[in-house]
Amino acid sequence: MAAAGLLFAAMGVGIKLVSTDLSNSMVVFFRNAVSVPVLLPWLLPGGRAAFRTKDLTGHVIRGLGGLLAMYCFFYAIAHLRLADAILLNQSVPLFLPLVGRVWLDEPVPEGLSSVLAVGFVGLVLVLRPGSSLFSAASLIGLLSAVIGAVAQVSIRRLTRTEPPVRIVFYFALIGALGALPGTWLTWTTPSPRAWAILLVIGLLGALGQLAMTRAYARAPAAQVGPFIFVGPVLAGLFDWLFWGVLPDRLFVGGAALVVAAGALALRLTPARELVALD
């Protein structure tokens, strides 16, 4: 899971670098399109049966929801500090119980409400309403977490019949097809440097999801899930290395509250509400 956090943070560096020259749709398209052939070696040995799904509708719903969350996330990366964008996106555990409550009328586990309140205080410190950092980009970054939580709740039925690699594969395939029209309309021929970064983004994204899947396959989500928060820490390091930007005290304090609350939320949320893929 820590490796997944590293891979996603490194992917964010590539997205931020290439977004100065290419449209959001193009970056989203290549993130998914490159992942499709990367995932094929895990499926091809199983023949046609490995691709045959019992819940195509579930894959489409998960894929389109995840695609919208990815559009929001990549936009936030392009317009915010990398650490801010990744932290906002990875606040998904704070929204899972709320989505389950509103959508499925599931009770919020005892003691979780106060934990979520602490996490939302942390998000307020990160977003800083009334400051120059409180912007449409920061709200879109937060929206990526909300939509991600909705997508995660919506694919519970997929995990009943579908193996993780097939879910990741169809997510990448549907994401690529969904981003294709926007890519066509906003096409700009990438430079050789941009082509290389796009390939690396797709590779890192696929490997990150596989690493996350492997982590959830080997241990309960409550035990390994919190290690994904290594991502915002590494993103802060990348902000400093690539752009000479250091996080301020408010961000550090808010991030600490979000990470602590997210980790506790994962531990307090019933296992049936946690899905291996996001």
Foldseek 3Di string as FASTA:
>chain_A
DLLLLVLVLVLLVLLQVLVVPAPLLVLLLLLLVLQQVVLVVVQPVVPPVSQDAPCPVLLLLLLVLLLLLSSLLSLLSNPDQSLLLVLLQLLLLLQLQVCCCVPVVDDDFPPLVVLSVLLVVLLCLSCVPPDPSNDPSSVSSNVSSNSVSVSQQSCLVVVVTHQQSNSSNSSSVSSNVVSVVVCVVRPDDDDPVSVVSSSSSNVSSNVSQVVLLVVVVVDQCLVPVLSSLVNSVVSQVVCCVPPVDHDDPSNVVSSVSSSVSSSVSSVRDDSSSGDSGD
